Amino acid sequence: MASNPNQTIVIDGKEYALDALNDETRQLIGSIRGVDVEITRLRRQIAIAQTARAAYARSVAASLPKDGEAAAAAEAEATSEA
């Protein structure tokens, strides 16, 4: 991870110059940043899935018979079976 000599990072309220940190620490910081990007991507995917789920639920609700329609359908079915 190339670092600008002026780059700093704040960890637990304390500021550190990136170029003063050892390679392992800089790599770990890079890994944290990569994971943060992945978490953001997954949150977006979850939002998309939740939106799709809500749309499907609305479609199901809209396709169900209304109270009067359900009673009429049940009565018609009972009449046709008799």
C-alpha atoms as a PDB file:
ATOM      1  CA  MET A   1       0.000   0.000   0.000  1.00  0.00           C
ATOM      2  CA  ALA A   2       1.722   3.183  -1.155  1.00  0.00           C
ATOM      3  CA  SER A   3       1.297   6.018   1.247  1.00  0.00           C
ATOM      4  CA  ASN A   4       1.498   9.749   0.927  1.00  0.00           C
ATOM      5  CA  PRO A   5       3.908  11.078   3.575  1.00  0.00           C
ATOM      6  CA  ASN A   6       1.150  13.391   4.811  1.00  0.00           C
ATOM      7  CA  GLN A   7      -1.493  10.673   5.154  1.00  0.00           C
ATOM      8  CA  THR A   8      -2.704   9.952   8.646  1.00  0.00           C
ATOM      9  CA  ILE A   9      -5.190   7.615  10.213  1.00  0.00           C
ATOM     10  CA  VAL A  10      -7.062   7.959  13.489  1.00  0.00           C
ATOM     11  CA  ILE A  11      -7.316   4.797  15.573  1.00  0.00           C
ATOM     12  CA  ASP A  12      -9.015   4.867  18.963  1.00  0.00           C
ATOM     13  CA  GLY A  13      -8.895   8.656  18.959  1.00  0.00           C
ATOM     14  CA  LYS A  14      -5.161   8.859  18.273  1.00  0.00           C
ATOM     15  CA  GLU A  15      -3.700  10.072  14.974  1.00  0.00           C
ATOM     16  CA  TYR A  16      -0.908   8.109  13.290  1.00  0.00           C
ATOM     17  CA  ALA A  17       1.172   8.899  10.205  1.00  0.00           C
ATOM     18  CA  LEU A  18       0.735   5.995   7.797  1.00  0.00           C
ATOM     19  CA  ASP A  19       4.378   6.080   6.770  1.00  0.00           C
ATOM     20  CA  ALA A  20       5.374   5.639  10.426  1.00  0.00           C
ATOM     21  CA  LEU A  21       3.479   2.343  10.699  1.00  0.00           C
ATOM     22  CA  ASN A  22       5.098  -0.979   9.883  1.00  0.00           C
ATOM     23  CA  ASP A  23       4.174  -2.926   6.740  1.00  0.00           C
ATOM     24  CA  GLU A  24       1.995  -5.436   8.578  1.00  0.00           C
ATOM     25  CA  THR A  25      -0.056  -2.685  10.213  1.00  0.00           C
ATOM     26  CA  ARG A  26      -0.499  -0.880   6.881  1.00  0.00           C
ATOM     27  CA  GLN A  27      -1.610  -4.157   5.279  1.00  0.00           C
ATOM     28  CA  LEU A  28      -4.109  -4.732   8.077  1.00  0.00           C
ATOM     29  CA  ILE A  29      -5.467  -1.217   7.587  1.00  0.00           C
ATOM     30  CA  GLY A  30      -5.792  -1.963   3.871  1.00  0.00           C
ATOM     31  CA  SER A  31      -7.684  -5.145   4.719  1.00  0.00           C
ATOM     32  CA  ILE A  32     -10.048  -3.209   6.978  1.00  0.00           C
ATOM     33  CA  ARG A  33     -10.705  -0.741   4.175  1.00  0.00           C
ATOM     34  CA  GLY A  34     -11.370  -3.604   1.764  1.00  0.00           C
ATOM     35  CA  VAL A  35     -13.799  -5.217   4.183  1.00  0.00           C
ATOM     36  CA  ASP A  36     -15.549  -1.863   4.680  1.00  0.00           C
ATOM     37  CA  VAL A  37     -16.039  -1.624   0.909  1.00  0.00           C
ATOM     38  CA  GLU A  38     -17.472  -5.156   0.849  1.00  0.00           C
ATOM     39  CA  ILE A  39     -19.822  -4.392   3.754  1.00  0.00           C
ATOM     40  CA  THR A  40     -21.084  -1.326   1.885  1.00  0.00           C
ATOM     41  CA  ARG A  41     -21.645  -3.420  -1.251  1.00  0.00           C
ATOM     42  CA  LEU A  42     -23.517  -6.072   0.716  1.00  0.00           C
ATOM     43  CA  ARG A  43     -25.698  -3.451   2.411  1.00  0.00           C
ATOM     44  CA  ARG A  44     -26.662  -2.162  -1.027  1.00  0.00           C
ATOM     45  CA  GLN A  45     -27.491  -5.713  -2.123  1.00  0.00           C
ATOM     46  CA  ILE A  46     -29.625  -6.186   0.999  1.00  0.00           C
ATOM     47  CA  ALA A  47     -31.465  -2.933   0.253  1.00  0.00           C
ATOM     48  CA  ILE A  48     -32.157  -4.149  -3.291  1.00  0.00           C
ATOM     49  CA  ALA A  49     -33.402  -7.519  -2.002  1.00  0.00           C
ATOM     50  CA  GLN A  50     -35.615  -5.846   0.615  1.00  0.00           C
ATOM     51  CA  THR A  51     -37.106  -3.580  -2.049  1.00  0.00           C
ATOM     52  CA  ALA A  52     -37.832  -6.578  -4.274  1.00  0.00           C
ATOM     53  CA  ARG A  53     -39.356  -8.478  -1.361  1.00  0.00           C
ATOM     54  CA  ALA A  54     -41.643  -5.556  -0.527  1.00  0.00           C
ATOM     55  CA  ALA A  55     -42.755  -5.354  -4.169  1.00  0.00           C
ATOM     56  CA  TYR A  56     -43.509  -9.089  -4.218  1.00  0.00           C
ATOM     57  CA  ALA A  57     -45.473  -8.777  -0.966  1.00  0.00           C
ATOM     58  CA  ARG A  58     -47.511  -5.904  -2.440  1.00  0.00           C
ATOM     59  CA  SER A  59     -48.208  -8.002  -5.541  1.00  0.00           C
ATOM     60  CA  VAL A  60     -49.370 -10.923  -3.402  1.00  0.00           C
ATOM     61  CA  ALA A  61     -51.643  -8.642  -1.382  1.00  0.00           C
ATOM     62  CA  ALA A  62     -53.061  -7.109  -4.565  1.00  0.00           C
ATOM     63  CA  SER A  63     -53.758 -10.535  -6.075  1.00  0.00           C
ATOM     64  CA  LEU A  64     -55.727 -11.818  -3.084  1.00  0.00           C
ATOM     65  CA  PRO A  65     -59.515 -11.657  -3.304  1.00  0.00           C
ATOM     66  CA  LYS A  66     -61.127  -8.820  -1.409  1.00  0.00           C
ATOM     67  CA  ASP A  67     -63.480  -9.623   1.498  1.00  0.00           C
ATOM     68  CA  GLY A  68     -66.627  -9.534  -0.647  1.00  0.00           C
ATOM     69  CA  GLU A  69     -64.932 -11.411  -3.470  1.00  0.00           C
ATOM     70  CA  ALA A  70     -63.789 -14.180  -1.118  1.00  0.00           C
ATOM     71  CA  ALA A  71     -67.317 -14.694   0.221  1.00  0.00           C
ATOM     72  CA  ALA A  72     -68.778 -14.737  -3.298  1.00  0.00           C
ATOM     73  CA  ALA A  73     -66.134 -17.205  -4.476  1.00  0.00           C
ATOM     74  CA  ALA A  74     -66.781 -19.500  -1.497  1.00  0.00           C
ATOM     75  CA  GLU A  75     -70.539 -19.329  -2.089  1.00  0.00           C
ATOM     76  CA  ALA A  76     -70.127 -20.061  -5.803  1.00  0.00           C
ATOM     77  CA  GLU A  77     -67.897 -23.032  -5.018  1.00  0.00           C
ATOM     78  CA  ALA A  78     -70.366 -24.381  -2.449  1.00  0.00           C
ATOM     79  CA  THR A  79     -73.244 -23.973  -4.924  1.00  0.00           C
ATOM     80  CA  SER A  80     -71.375 -25.755  -7.709  1.00  0.00           C
ATOM     81  CA  GLU A  81     -70.551 -28.705  -5.427  1.00  0.00           C
ATOM     82  CA  ALA A  82     -74.195 -29.204  -4.407  1.00  0.00           C
END
